[in-house]
Amino acid sequence: MAEAFMQKALPQAEIYSAGTDPAPEIHPFTLKVMREAGFDLSGKKPKNVDQFLRQTFDYVVTVCDEAKESCPVFTGKVKQRLHFGFEDPAKAAGTDEEVLRKFREVRDLIRQRFETWAKNIG
């Protein structure tokens, strides 16, 4: 979700998204809520952060508290590390509608936080 919002907010930037323990596929509710927000993520695949550890980045941003704790050390040059904590909606419990509501809530929080941040750095 964050990758899509950042690409839109900073189209000139190279944006990468990866996880410490990526799922084989994007969660169906993520696809649904992002489609609702105007983003088609159907061609995307989750990536492991390990493939990016030696690259140079202006920013490395973690978005889940678990990722902050388990994020490996980047050996490439990183100008600034940031953490924007959000709940992992894939871990929400309840009915499908309750879980979908959590995905929408987290999507909206991510959009707001990253759009605000992009305005301040862009």
PDB file of N, CA and C in Angstrom:
ATOM      1  N   MET A   1       0.824  -1.188   0.000  1.00  0.00           N
ATOM      2  CA  MET A   1       0.000   0.000   0.000  1.00  0.00           C
ATOM      3  C   MET A   1       0.870   1.254   0.000  1.00  0.00           C
ATOM      4  N   ALA A   2       1.873   1.254   0.862  1.00  0.00           N
ATOM      5  CA  ALA A   2       2.738   2.430   0.959  1.00  0.00           C
ATOM      6  C   ALA A   2       3.453   2.696  -0.356  1.00  0.00           C
ATOM      7  N   GLU A   3       3.899   1.644  -1.022  1.00  0.00           N
ATOM      8  CA  GLU A   3       4.589   1.816  -2.305  1.00  0.00           C
ATOM      9  C   GLU A   3       3.697   2.533  -3.310  1.00  0.00           C
ATOM     10  N   ALA A   4       2.444   2.136  -3.410  1.00  0.00           N
ATOM     11  CA  ALA A   4       1.525   2.754  -4.374  1.00  0.00           C
ATOM     12  C   ALA A   4       1.302   4.227  -4.054  1.00  0.00           C
ATOM     13  N   PHE A   5       1.092   4.542  -2.789  1.00  0.00           N
ATOM     14  CA  PHE A   5       0.869   5.941  -2.421  1.00  0.00           C
ATOM     15  C   PHE A   5       2.120   6.789  -2.626  1.00  0.00           C
ATOM     16  N   MET A   6       3.293   6.212  -2.357  1.00  0.00           N
ATOM     17  CA  MET A   6       4.533   6.960  -2.578  1.00  0.00           C
ATOM     18  C   MET A   6       4.789   7.194  -4.061  1.00  0.00           C
ATOM     19  N   GLN A   7       4.538   6.182  -4.907  1.00  0.00           N
ATOM     20  CA  GLN A   7       4.724   6.352  -6.352  1.00  0.00           C
ATOM     21  C   GLN A   7       3.865   7.491  -6.874  1.00  0.00           C
ATOM     22  N   LYS A   8       2.652   7.575  -6.360  1.00  0.00           N
ATOM     23  CA  LYS A   8       1.750   8.642  -6.807  1.00  0.00           C
ATOM     24  C   LYS A   8       2.223  10.000  -6.286  1.00  0.00           C
ATOM     25  N   ALA A   9       2.649  10.044  -5.041  1.00  0.00           N
ATOM     26  CA  ALA A   9       3.052  11.313  -4.431  1.00  0.00           C
ATOM     27  C   ALA A   9       4.399  11.813  -4.942  1.00  0.00           C
ATOM     28  N   LEU A  10       5.300  10.893  -5.265  1.00  0.00           N
ATOM     29  CA  LEU A  10       6.647  11.251  -5.731  1.00  0.00           C
ATOM     30  C   LEU A  10       6.969  10.459  -7.003  1.00  0.00           C
ATOM     31  N   PRO A  11       6.310  10.788  -8.105  1.00  0.00           N
ATOM     32  CA  PRO A  11       6.488   9.991  -9.333  1.00  0.00           C
ATOM     33  C   PRO A  11       7.913   9.993  -9.875  1.00  0.00           C
ATOM     34  N   GLN A  12       8.718  10.976  -9.511  1.00  0.00           N
ATOM     35  CA  GLN A  12      10.096  11.042  -9.989  1.00  0.00           C
ATOM     36  C   GLN A  12      11.028  10.140  -9.183  1.00  0.00           C
ATOM     37  N   ALA A  13      10.577   9.635  -8.055  1.00  0.00           N
ATOM     38  CA  ALA A  13      11.417   8.831  -7.165  1.00  0.00           C
ATOM     39  C   ALA A  13      11.346   7.348  -7.533  1.00  0.00           C
ATOM     40  N   GLU A  14      12.418   6.642  -7.212  1.00  0.00           N
ATOM     41  CA  GLU A  14      12.423   5.187  -7.336  1.00  0.00           C
ATOM     42  C   GLU A  14      11.947   4.631  -5.995  1.00  0.00           C
ATOM     43  N   ILE A  15      10.830   3.939  -6.022  1.00  0.00           N
ATOM     44  CA  ILE A  15      10.216   3.415  -4.805  1.00  0.00           C
ATOM     45  C   ILE A  15      10.273   1.894  -4.857  1.00  0.00           C
ATOM     46  N   TYR A  16      10.724   1.286  -3.774  1.00  0.00           N
ATOM     47  CA  TYR A  16      10.771  -0.162  -3.660  1.00  0.00           C
ATOM     48  C   TYR A  16      10.014  -0.567  -2.404  1.00  0.00           C
ATOM     49  N   SER A  17       9.376  -1.704  -2.472  1.00  0.00           N
ATOM     50  CA  SER A  17       8.664  -2.217  -1.319  1.00  0.00           C
ATOM     51  C   SER A  17       9.070  -3.665  -1.109  1.00  0.00           C
ATOM     52  N   ALA A  18       9.342  -4.017   0.140  1.00  0.00           N
ATOM     53  CA  ALA A  18       9.743  -5.386   0.445  1.00  0.00           C
ATOM     54  C   ALA A  18       9.419  -5.666   1.904  1.00  0.00           C
ATOM     55  N   GLY A  19       9.346  -6.937   2.219  1.00  0.00           N
ATOM     56  CA  GLY A  19       9.033  -7.342   3.580  1.00  0.00           C
ATOM     57  C   GLY A  19      10.076  -8.275   4.144  1.00  0.00           C
ATOM     58  N   THR A  20      10.070  -8.405   5.464  1.00  0.00           N
ATOM     59  CA  THR A  20      11.002  -9.304   6.129  1.00  0.00           C
ATOM     60  C   THR A  20      10.534 -10.751   6.043  1.00  0.00           C
ATOM     61  N   ASP A  21       9.236 -10.956   5.871  1.00  0.00           N
ATOM     62  CA  ASP A  21       8.668 -12.297   5.728  1.00  0.00           C
ATOM     63  C   ASP A  21       7.490 -12.196   4.752  1.00  0.00           C
ATOM     64  N   PRO A  22       7.781 -11.935   3.466  1.00  0.00           N
ATOM     65  CA  PRO A  22       6.708 -11.661   2.521  1.00  0.00           C
ATOM     66  C   PRO A  22       5.845 -12.890   2.229  1.00  0.00           C
ATOM     67  N   ALA A  23       4.567 -12.641   2.064  1.00  0.00           N
ATOM     68  CA  ALA A  23       3.630 -13.693   1.655  1.00  0.00           C
ATOM     69  C   ALA A  23       3.889 -14.030   0.188  1.00  0.00           C
ATOM     70  N   PRO A  24       3.440 -15.178  -0.254  1.00  0.00           N
ATOM     71  CA  PRO A  24       3.647 -15.532  -1.659  1.00  0.00           C
ATOM     72  C   PRO A  24       2.866 -14.626  -2.626  1.00  0.00           C
ATOM     73  N   GLU A  25       1.736 -14.115  -2.168  1.00  0.00           N
ATOM     74  CA  GLU A  25       0.879 -13.259  -2.992  1.00  0.00           C
ATOM     75  C   GLU A  25       0.387 -12.080  -2.160  1.00  0.00           C
ATOM     76  N   ILE A  26      -0.018 -11.023  -2.828  1.00  0.00           N
ATOM     77  CA  ILE A  26      -0.635  -9.893  -2.127  1.00  0.00           C
ATOM     78  C   ILE A  26      -1.986 -10.349  -1.581  1.00  0.00           C
ATOM     79  N   HIS A  27      -2.270  -9.976  -0.364  1.00  0.00           N
ATOM     80  CA  HIS A  27      -3.521 -10.362   0.297  1.00  0.00           C
ATOM     81  C   HIS A  27      -4.708  -9.887  -0.547  1.00  0.00           C
ATOM     82  N   PRO A  28      -5.705 -10.729  -0.738  1.00  0.00           N
ATOM     83  CA  PRO A  28      -6.878 -10.336  -1.550  1.00  0.00           C
ATOM     84  C   PRO A  28      -7.569  -9.073  -1.040  1.00  0.00           C
ATOM     85  N   PHE A  29      -7.606  -8.862   0.273  1.00  0.00           N
ATOM     86  CA  PHE A  29      -8.238  -7.647   0.793  1.00  0.00           C
ATOM     87  C   PHE A  29      -7.392  -6.415   0.477  1.00  0.00           C
ATOM     88  N   THR A  30      -6.068  -6.568   0.419  1.00  0.00           N
ATOM     89  CA  THR A  30      -5.220  -5.449   0.002  1.00  0.00           C
ATOM     90  C   THR A  30      -5.548  -5.069  -1.431  1.00  0.00           C
ATOM     91  N   LEU A  31      -5.654  -6.073  -2.296  1.00  0.00           N
ATOM     92  CA  LEU A  31      -6.014  -5.802  -3.694  1.00  0.00           C
ATOM     93  C   LEU A  31      -7.340  -5.067  -3.769  1.00  0.00           C
ATOM     94  N   LYS A  32      -8.312  -5.513  -2.984  1.00  0.00           N
ATOM     95  CA  LYS A  32      -9.653  -4.911  -2.998  1.00  0.00           C
ATOM     96  C   LYS A  32      -9.643  -3.463  -2.517  1.00  0.00           C
ATOM     97  N   VAL A  33      -9.034  -3.210  -1.358  1.00  0.00           N
ATOM     98  CA  VAL A  33      -9.078  -1.847  -0.818  1.00  0.00           C
ATOM     99  C   VAL A  33      -8.235  -0.884  -1.639  1.00  0.00           C
ATOM    100  N   MET A  34      -7.174  -1.377  -2.238  1.00  0.00           N
ATOM    101  CA  MET A  34      -6.372  -0.506  -3.094  1.00  0.00           C
ATOM    102  C   MET A  34      -7.084  -0.234  -4.415  1.00  0.00           C
ATOM    103  N   ARG A  35      -7.809  -1.202  -4.934  1.00  0.00           N
ATOM    104  CA  ARG A  35      -8.639  -0.974  -6.128  1.00  0.00           C
ATOM    105  C   ARG A  35      -9.677   0.107  -5.829  1.00  0.00           C
ATOM    106  N   GLU A  36     -10.265   0.058  -4.635  1.00  0.00           N
ATOM    107  CA  GLU A  36     -11.224   1.083  -4.216  1.00  0.00           C
ATOM    108  C   GLU A  36     -10.594   2.471  -4.213  1.00  0.00           C
ATOM    109  N   ALA A  37      -9.292   2.532  -3.939  1.00  0.00           N
ATOM    110  CA  ALA A  37      -8.569   3.813  -3.885  1.00  0.00           C
ATOM    111  C   ALA A  37      -7.973   4.191  -5.241  1.00  0.00           C
ATOM    112  N   GLY A  38      -8.241   3.372  -6.275  1.00  0.00           N
ATOM    113  CA  GLY A  38      -7.779   3.711  -7.618  1.00  0.00           C
ATOM    114  C   GLY A  38      -6.454   3.095  -8.031  1.00  0.00           C
ATOM    115  N   PHE A  39      -5.989   2.077  -7.322  1.00  0.00           N
ATOM    116  CA  PHE A  39      -4.720   1.431  -7.623  1.00  0.00           C
ATOM    117  C   PHE A  39      -4.939  -0.037  -7.978  1.00  0.00           C
ATOM    118  N   ASP A  40      -4.385  -0.470  -9.097  1.00  0.00           N
ATOM    119  CA  ASP A  40      -4.449  -1.875  -9.490  1.00  0.00           C
ATOM    120  C   ASP A  40      -3.120  -2.526  -9.152  1.00  0.00           C
ATOM    121  N   LEU A  41      -3.101  -3.346  -8.122  1.00  0.00           N
ATOM    122  CA  LEU A  41      -1.878  -4.013  -7.688  1.00  0.00           C
ATOM    123  C   LEU A  41      -1.830  -5.471  -8.148  1.00  0.00           C
ATOM    124  N   SER A  42      -2.727  -5.847  -9.032  1.00  0.00           N
ATOM    125  CA  SER A  42      -2.853  -7.256  -9.405  1.00  0.00           C
ATOM    126  C   SER A  42      -1.592  -7.828 -10.040  1.00  0.00           C
ATOM    127  N   GLY A  43      -0.767  -7.027 -10.666  1.00  0.00           N
ATOM    128  CA  GLY A  43       0.459  -7.532 -11.283  1.00  0.00           C
ATOM    129  C   GLY A  43       1.661  -7.524 -10.358  1.00  0.00           C
ATOM    130  N   LYS A  44       1.490  -7.066  -9.143  1.00  0.00           N
ATOM    131  CA  LYS A  44       2.604  -6.949  -8.188  1.00  0.00           C
ATOM    132  C   LYS A  44       2.781  -8.249  -7.399  1.00  0.00           C
ATOM    133  N   LYS A  45       3.999  -8.454  -6.938  1.00  0.00           N
ATOM    134  CA  LYS A  45       4.324  -9.604  -6.095  1.00  0.00           C
ATOM    135  C   LYS A  45       5.099  -9.118  -4.879  1.00  0.00           C
ATOM    136  N   PRO A  46       4.834  -9.688  -3.712  1.00  0.00           N
ATOM    137  CA  PRO A  46       5.639  -9.344  -2.534  1.00  0.00           C
ATOM    138  C   PRO A  46       7.098  -9.738  -2.745  1.00  0.00           C
ATOM    139  N   LYS A  47       7.997  -8.906  -2.231  1.00  0.00           N
ATOM    140  CA  LYS A  47       9.438  -9.147  -2.365  1.00  0.00           C
ATOM    141  C   LYS A  47      10.071  -9.217  -0.977  1.00  0.00           C
ATOM    142  N   ASN A  48      11.194  -9.913  -0.913  1.00  0.00           N
ATOM    143  CA  ASN A  48      11.932  -9.998   0.334  1.00  0.00           C
ATOM    144  C   ASN A  48      12.943  -8.867   0.409  1.00  0.00           C
ATOM    145  N   VAL A  49      13.056  -8.258   1.564  1.00  0.00           N
ATOM    146  CA  VAL A  49      13.967  -7.129   1.766  1.00  0.00           C
ATOM    147  C   VAL A  49      15.425  -7.518   1.523  1.00  0.00           C
ATOM    148  N   ASP A  50      15.746  -8.785   1.667  1.00  0.00           N
ATOM    149  CA  ASP A  50      17.128  -9.232   1.498  1.00  0.00           C
ATOM    150  C   ASP A  50      17.712  -8.841   0.134  1.00  0.00           C
ATOM    151  N   GLN A  51      16.884  -8.762  -0.897  1.00  0.00           N
ATOM    152  CA  GLN A  51      17.407  -8.432  -2.219  1.00  0.00           C
ATOM    153  C   GLN A  51      17.833  -6.969  -2.358  1.00  0.00           C
ATOM    154  N   PHE A  52      17.508  -6.146  -1.377  1.00  0.00           N
ATOM    155  CA  PHE A  52      17.825  -4.718  -1.446  1.00  0.00           C
ATOM    156  C   PHE A  52      18.890  -4.272  -0.448  1.00  0.00           C
ATOM    157  N   LEU A  53      19.404  -5.167   0.350  1.00  0.00           N
ATOM    158  CA  LEU A  53      20.267  -4.786   1.480  1.00  0.00           C
ATOM    159  C   LEU A  53      21.556  -4.078   1.095  1.00  0.00           C
ATOM    160  N   ARG A  54      22.066  -4.298  -0.100  1.00  0.00           N
ATOM    161  CA  ARG A  54      23.344  -3.685  -0.494  1.00  0.00           C
ATOM    162  C   ARG A  54      23.156  -2.424  -1.340  1.00  0.00           C
ATOM    163  N   GLN A  55      21.933  -2.043  -1.585  1.00  0.00           N
ATOM    164  CA  GLN A  55      21.675  -0.873  -2.421  1.00  0.00           C
ATOM    165  C   GLN A  55      21.761   0.416  -1.615  1.00  0.00           C
ATOM    166  N   THR A  56      21.883   1.514  -2.328  1.00  0.00           N
ATOM    167  CA  THR A  56      21.910   2.841  -1.724  1.00  0.00           C
ATOM    168  C   THR A  56      20.497   3.422  -1.750  1.00  0.00           C
ATOM    169  N   PHE A  57      20.074   3.993  -0.632  1.00  0.00           N
ATOM    170  CA  PHE A  57      18.752   4.598  -0.535  1.00  0.00           C
ATOM    171  C   PHE A  57      18.840   5.932   0.196  1.00  0.00           C
ATOM    172  N   ASP A  58      18.025   6.874  -0.229  1.00  0.00           N
ATOM    173  CA  ASP A  58      17.888   8.106   0.544  1.00  0.00           C
ATOM    174  C   ASP A  58      17.129   7.823   1.833  1.00  0.00           C
ATOM    175  N   TYR A  59      16.100   6.983   1.734  1.00  0.00           N
ATOM    176  CA  TYR A  59      15.265   6.652   2.895  1.00  0.00           C
ATOM    177  C   TYR A  59      14.965   5.164   2.903  1.00  0.00           C
ATOM    178  N   VAL A  60      14.995   4.588   4.084  1.00  0.00           N
ATOM    179  CA  VAL A  60      14.448   3.260   4.322  1.00  0.00           C
ATOM    180  C   VAL A  60      13.370   3.468   5.372  1.00  0.00           C
ATOM    181  N   VAL A  61      12.142   3.103   5.006  1.00  0.00           N
ATOM    182  CA  VAL A  61      10.993   3.336   5.881  1.00  0.00           C
ATOM    183  C   VAL A  61      10.361   1.997   6.236  1.00  0.00           C
ATOM    184  N   THR A  62      10.277   1.711   7.513  1.00  0.00           N
ATOM    185  CA  THR A  62       9.542   0.531   7.959  1.00  0.00           C
ATOM    186  C   THR A  62       8.142   0.966   8.331  1.00  0.00           C
ATOM    187  N   VAL A  63       7.178   0.074   8.093  1.00  0.00           N
ATOM    188  CA  VAL A  63       5.784   0.464   8.323  1.00  0.00           C
ATOM    189  C   VAL A  63       5.057  -0.413   9.335  1.00  0.00           C
ATOM    190  N   CYS A  64       5.586  -1.562   9.668  1.00  0.00           N
ATOM    191  CA  CYS A  64       4.967  -2.413  10.686  1.00  0.00           C
ATOM    192  C   CYS A  64       5.923  -2.535  11.856  1.00  0.00           C
ATOM    193  N   ASP A  65       5.375  -2.566  13.056  1.00  0.00           N
ATOM    194  CA  ASP A  65       6.235  -2.657  14.230  1.00  0.00           C
ATOM    195  C   ASP A  65       7.122  -3.890  14.180  1.00  0.00           C
ATOM    196  N   GLU A  66       6.598  -5.008  13.676  1.00  0.00           N
ATOM    197  CA  GLU A  66       7.413  -6.216  13.565  1.00  0.00           C
ATOM    198  C   GLU A  66       8.577  -5.994  12.599  1.00  0.00           C
ATOM    199  N   ALA A  67       8.329  -5.265  11.517  1.00  0.00           N
ATOM    200  CA  ALA A  67       9.398  -5.000  10.544  1.00  0.00           C
ATOM    201  C   ALA A  67      10.484  -4.130  11.167  1.00  0.00           C
ATOM    202  N   LYS A  68      10.080  -3.192  12.001  1.00  0.00           N
ATOM    203  CA  LYS A  68      11.076  -2.330  12.650  1.00  0.00           C
ATOM    204  C   LYS A  68      12.022  -3.163  13.509  1.00  0.00           C
ATOM    205  N   GLU A  69      11.471  -4.133  14.198  1.00  0.00           N
ATOM    206  CA  GLU A  69      12.271  -4.955  15.094  1.00  0.00           C
ATOM    207  C   GLU A  69      13.101  -5.994  14.343  1.00  0.00           C
ATOM    208  N   SER A  70      12.581  -6.489  13.216  1.00  0.00           N
ATOM    209  CA  SER A  70      13.271  -7.576  12.525  1.00  0.00           C
ATOM    210  C   SER A  70      13.951  -7.146  11.238  1.00  0.00           C
ATOM    211  N   CYS A  71      13.921  -5.863  10.916  1.00  0.00           N
ATOM    212  CA  CYS A  71      14.519  -5.389   9.675  1.00  0.00           C
ATOM    213  C   CYS A  71      16.027  -5.593   9.726  1.00  0.00           C
ATOM    214  N   PRO A  72      16.579  -6.248   8.720  1.00  0.00           N
ATOM    215  CA  PRO A  72      18.029  -6.468   8.726  1.00  0.00           C
ATOM    216  C   PRO A  72      18.791  -5.166   8.496  1.00  0.00           C
ATOM    217  N   VAL A  73      20.064  -5.220   8.732  1.00  0.00           N
ATOM    218  CA  VAL A  73      20.922  -4.061   8.545  1.00  0.00           C
ATOM    219  C   VAL A  73      21.229  -3.898   7.056  1.00  0.00           C
ATOM    220  N   PHE A  74      21.005  -2.706   6.557  1.00  0.00           N
ATOM    221  CA  PHE A  74      21.342  -2.399   5.170  1.00  0.00           C
ATOM    222  C   PHE A  74      22.835  -2.091   5.105  1.00  0.00           C
ATOM    223  N   THR A  75      23.547  -2.807   4.242  1.00  0.00           N
ATOM    224  CA  THR A  75      24.981  -2.568   4.106  1.00  0.00           C
ATOM    225  C   THR A  75      25.283  -1.519   3.045  1.00  0.00           C
ATOM    226  N   GLY A  76      24.284  -1.187   2.214  1.00  0.00           N
ATOM    227  CA  GLY A  76      24.430  -0.083   1.276  1.00  0.00           C
ATOM    228  C   GLY A  76      24.263   1.228   2.027  1.00  0.00           C
ATOM    229  N   LYS A  77      24.500   2.327   1.351  1.00  0.00           N
ATOM    230  CA  LYS A  77      24.381   3.631   1.990  1.00  0.00           C
ATOM    231  C   LYS A  77      22.903   3.999   2.158  1.00  0.00           C
ATOM    232  N   VAL A  78      22.514   4.345   3.373  1.00  0.00           N
ATOM    233  CA  VAL A  78      21.154   4.791   3.681  1.00  0.00           C
ATOM    234  C   VAL A  78      21.280   6.139   4.379  1.00  0.00           C
ATOM    235  N   LYS A  79      20.710   7.167   3.753  1.00  0.00           N
ATOM    236  CA  LYS A  79      20.802   8.507   4.344  1.00  0.00           C
ATOM    237  C   LYS A  79      19.962   8.626   5.607  1.00  0.00           C
ATOM    238  N   GLN A  80      18.770   8.041   5.589  1.00  0.00           N
ATOM    239  CA  GLN A  80      17.902   8.190   6.748  1.00  0.00           C
ATOM    240  C   GLN A  80      16.967   7.001   6.870  1.00  0.00           C
ATOM    241  N   ARG A  81      16.836   6.482   8.095  1.00  0.00           N
ATOM    242  CA  ARG A  81      15.887   5.412   8.400  1.00  0.00           C
ATOM    243  C   ARG A  81      14.727   6.026   9.159  1.00  0.00           C
ATOM    244  N   LEU A  82      13.519   5.651   8.759  1.00  0.00           N
ATOM    245  CA  LEU A  82      12.309   6.158   9.403  1.00  0.00           C
ATOM    246  C   LEU A  82      11.385   4.995   9.735  1.00  0.00           C
ATOM    247  N   HIS A  83      10.551   5.201  10.732  1.00  0.00           N
ATOM    248  CA  HIS A  83       9.540   4.192  11.049  1.00  0.00           C
ATOM    249  C   HIS A  83       8.180   4.874  11.175  1.00  0.00           C
ATOM    250  N   PHE A  84       7.252   4.411  10.368  1.00  0.00           N
ATOM    251  CA  PHE A  84       5.855   4.851  10.450  1.00  0.00           C
ATOM    252  C   PHE A  84       5.059   3.609  10.824  1.00  0.00           C
ATOM    253  N   GLY A  85       4.713   3.480  12.086  1.00  0.00           N
ATOM    254  CA  GLY A  85       4.073   2.261  12.568  1.00  0.00           C
ATOM    255  C   GLY A  85       2.591   2.160  12.229  1.00  0.00           C
ATOM    256  N   PHE A  86       2.225   1.035  11.658  1.00  0.00           N
ATOM    257  CA  PHE A  86       0.828   0.722  11.359  1.00  0.00           C
ATOM    258  C   PHE A  86       0.568  -0.721  11.769  1.00  0.00           C
ATOM    259  N   GLU A  87      -0.671  -0.984  12.146  1.00  0.00           N
ATOM    260  CA  GLU A  87      -1.060  -2.363  12.410  1.00  0.00           C
ATOM    261  C   GLU A  87      -0.987  -3.147  11.112  1.00  0.00           C
ATOM    262  N   ASP A  88      -0.706  -4.432  11.207  1.00  0.00           N
ATOM    263  CA  ASP A  88      -0.737  -5.304  10.039  1.00  0.00           C
ATOM    264  C   ASP A  88      -2.170  -5.790   9.883  1.00  0.00           C
ATOM    265  N   PRO A  89      -2.900  -5.310   8.882  1.00  0.00           N
ATOM    266  CA  PRO A  89      -4.306  -5.697   8.758  1.00  0.00           C
ATOM    267  C   PRO A  89      -4.485  -7.179   8.448  1.00  0.00           C
ATOM    268  N   ALA A  90      -3.470  -7.826   7.917  1.00  0.00           N
ATOM    269  CA  ALA A  90      -3.558  -9.255   7.622  1.00  0.00           C
ATOM    270  C   ALA A  90      -3.663 -10.077   8.907  1.00  0.00           C
ATOM    271  N   LYS A  91      -3.337  -9.474  10.035  1.00  0.00           N
ATOM    272  CA  LYS A  91      -3.423 -10.177  11.315  1.00  0.00           C
ATOM    273  C   LYS A  91      -4.717  -9.870  12.056  1.00  0.00           C
ATOM    274  N   ALA A  92      -5.601  -9.097  11.437  1.00  0.00           N
ATOM    275  CA  ALA A  92      -6.877  -8.755  12.065  1.00  0.00           C
ATOM    276  C   ALA A  92      -7.760  -9.989  12.158  1.00  0.00           C
ATOM    277  N   ALA A  93      -8.554 -10.053  13.207  1.00  0.00           N
ATOM    278  CA  ALA A  93      -9.480 -11.165  13.411  1.00  0.00           C
ATOM    279  C   ALA A  93     -10.907 -10.652  13.302  1.00  0.00           C
ATOM    280  N   GLY A  94     -11.816 -11.545  13.009  1.00  0.00           N
ATOM    281  CA  GLY A  94     -13.227 -11.194  12.933  1.00  0.00           C
ATOM    282  C   GLY A  94     -13.853 -11.699  11.650  1.00  0.00           C
ATOM    283  N   THR A  95     -15.018 -11.177  11.378  1.00  0.00           N
ATOM    284  CA  THR A  95     -15.709 -11.543  10.148  1.00  0.00           C
ATOM    285  C   THR A  95     -14.976 -10.913   8.964  1.00  0.00           C
ATOM    286  N   ASP A  96     -15.283 -11.383   7.781  1.00  0.00           N
ATOM    287  CA  ASP A  96     -14.666 -10.777   6.597  1.00  0.00           C
ATOM    288  C   ASP A  96     -14.912  -9.275   6.551  1.00  0.00           C
ATOM    289  N   GLU A  97     -16.112  -8.845   6.904  1.00  0.00           N
ATOM    290  CA  GLU A  97     -16.427  -7.410   6.869  1.00  0.00           C
ATOM    291  C   GLU A  97     -15.607  -6.642   7.909  1.00  0.00           C
ATOM    292  N   GLU A  98     -15.421  -7.221   9.079  1.00  0.00           N
ATOM    293  CA  GLU A  98     -14.612  -6.565  10.116  1.00  0.00           C
ATOM    294  C   GLU A  98     -13.145  -6.472   9.687  1.00  0.00           C
ATOM    295  N   VAL A  99     -12.641  -7.532   9.105  1.00  0.00           N
ATOM    296  CA  VAL A  99     -11.253  -7.532   8.643  1.00  0.00           C
ATOM    297  C   VAL A  99     -11.090  -6.557   7.483  1.00  0.00           C
ATOM    298  N   LEU A 100     -12.045  -6.539   6.574  1.00  0.00           N
ATOM    299  CA  LEU A 100     -12.005  -5.597   5.448  1.00  0.00           C
ATOM    300  C   LEU A 100     -12.033  -4.158   5.961  1.00  0.00           C
ATOM    301  N   ARG A 101     -12.798  -3.902   6.980  1.00  0.00           N
ATOM    302  CA  ARG A 101     -12.840  -2.565   7.592  1.00  0.00           C
ATOM    303  C   ARG A 101     -11.456  -2.175   8.135  1.00  0.00           C
ATOM    304  N   LYS A 102     -10.755  -3.147   8.733  1.00  0.00           N
ATOM    305  CA  LYS A 102      -9.403  -2.885   9.248  1.00  0.00           C
ATOM    306  C   LYS A 102      -8.448  -2.584   8.095  1.00  0.00           C
ATOM    307  N   PHE A 103      -8.566  -3.315   6.990  1.00  0.00           N
ATOM    308  CA  PHE A 103      -7.721  -3.044   5.823  1.00  0.00           C
ATOM    309  C   PHE A 103      -7.962  -1.626   5.309  1.00  0.00           C
ATOM    310  N   ARG A 104      -9.211  -1.203   5.262  1.00  0.00           N
ATOM    311  CA  ARG A 104      -9.523   0.162   4.802  1.00  0.00           C
ATOM    312  C   ARG A 104      -8.964   1.201   5.766  1.00  0.00           C
ATOM    313  N   GLU A 105      -9.093   0.944   7.045  1.00  0.00           N
ATOM    314  CA  GLU A 105      -8.582   1.874   8.052  1.00  0.00           C
ATOM    315  C   GLU A 105      -7.069   2.037   7.911  1.00  0.00           C
ATOM    316  N   VAL A 106      -6.361   0.921   7.807  1.00  0.00           N
ATOM    317  CA  VAL A 106      -4.900   0.976   7.681  1.00  0.00           C
ATOM    318  C   VAL A 106      -4.515   1.625   6.351  1.00  0.00           C
ATOM    319  N   ARG A 107      -5.226   1.303   5.271  1.00  0.00           N
ATOM    320  CA  ARG A 107      -4.955   1.934   3.970  1.00  0.00           C
ATOM    321  C   ARG A 107      -5.048   3.452   4.079  1.00  0.00           C
ATOM    322  N   ASP A 108      -6.102   3.929   4.715  1.00  0.00           N
ATOM    323  CA  ASP A 108      -6.295   5.372   4.824  1.00  0.00           C
ATOM    324  C   ASP A 108      -5.234   6.032   5.699  1.00  0.00           C
ATOM    325  N   LEU A 109      -4.819   5.345   6.755  1.00  0.00           N
ATOM    326  CA  LEU A 109      -3.743   5.875   7.602  1.00  0.00           C
ATOM    327  C   LEU A 109      -2.423   5.923   6.841  1.00  0.00           C
ATOM    328  N   ILE A 110      -2.134   4.874   6.081  1.00  0.00           N
ATOM    329  CA  ILE A 110      -0.912   4.843   5.282  1.00  0.00           C
ATOM    330  C   ILE A 110      -0.935   5.960   4.244  1.00  0.00           C
ATOM    331  N   ARG A 111      -2.057   6.107   3.551  1.00  0.00           N
ATOM    332  CA  ARG A 111      -2.153   7.167   2.536  1.00  0.00           C
ATOM    333  C   ARG A 111      -1.905   8.534   3.163  1.00  0.00           C
ATOM    334  N   GLN A 112      -2.565   8.812   4.258  1.00  0.00           N
ATOM    335  CA  GLN A 112      -2.420  10.115   4.911  1.00  0.00           C
ATOM    336  C   GLN A 112      -0.978  10.362   5.351  1.00  0.00           C
ATOM    337  N   ARG A 113      -0.372   9.365   5.987  1.00  0.00           N
ATOM    338  CA  ARG A 113       0.983   9.544   6.522  1.00  0.00           C
ATOM    339  C   ARG A 113       2.006   9.738   5.410  1.00  0.00           C
ATOM    340  N   PHE A 114       1.916   8.927   4.346  1.00  0.00           N
ATOM    341  CA  PHE A 114       2.905   9.022   3.279  1.00  0.00           C
ATOM    342  C   PHE A 114       2.680  10.233   2.382  1.00  0.00           C
ATOM    343  N   GLU A 115       1.448  10.619   2.155  1.00  0.00           N
ATOM    344  CA  GLU A 115       1.209  11.833   1.364  1.00  0.00           C
ATOM    345  C   GLU A 115       1.725  13.060   2.101  1.00  0.00           C
ATOM    346  N   THR A 116       1.502  13.121   3.410  1.00  0.00           N
ATOM    347  CA  THR A 116       2.012  14.233   4.209  1.00  0.00           C
ATOM    348  C   THR A 116       3.535  14.243   4.197  1.00  0.00           C
ATOM    349  N   TRP A 117       4.148  13.096   4.378  1.00  0.00           N
ATOM    350  CA  TRP A 117       5.609  13.003   4.378  1.00  0.00           C
ATOM    351  C   TRP A 117       6.170  13.401   3.025  1.00  0.00           C
ATOM    352  N   ALA A 118       5.553  12.939   1.944  1.00  0.00           N
ATOM    353  CA  ALA A 118       6.038  13.259   0.592  1.00  0.00           C
ATOM    354  C   ALA A 118       5.982  14.760   0.322  1.00  0.00           C
ATOM    355  N   LYS A 119       4.961  15.429   0.819  1.00  0.00           N
ATOM    356  CA  LYS A 119       4.875  16.898   0.631  1.00  0.00           C
ATOM    357  C   LYS A 119       6.029  17.590   1.343  1.00  0.00           C
ATOM    358  N   ASN A 120       6.430  17.060   2.477  1.00  0.00           N
ATOM    359  CA  ASN A 120       7.510  17.681   3.251  1.00  0.00           C
ATOM    360  C   ASN A 120       8.897  17.427   2.680  1.00  0.00           C
ATOM    361  N   ILE A 121       9.075  16.319   1.955  1.00  0.00           N
ATOM    362  CA  ILE A 121      10.402  16.054   1.391  1.00  0.00           C
ATOM    363  C   ILE A 121      10.491  16.386  -0.083  1.00  0.00           C
ATOM    364  N   GLY A 122       9.318  16.413  -0.764  1.00  0.00           N
ATOM    365  CA  GLY A 122       9.298  16.633  -2.215  1.00  0.00           C
ATOM    366  C   GLY A 122       9.508  18.040  -2.556  1.00  0.00           C
TER     367      GLY A 122
END
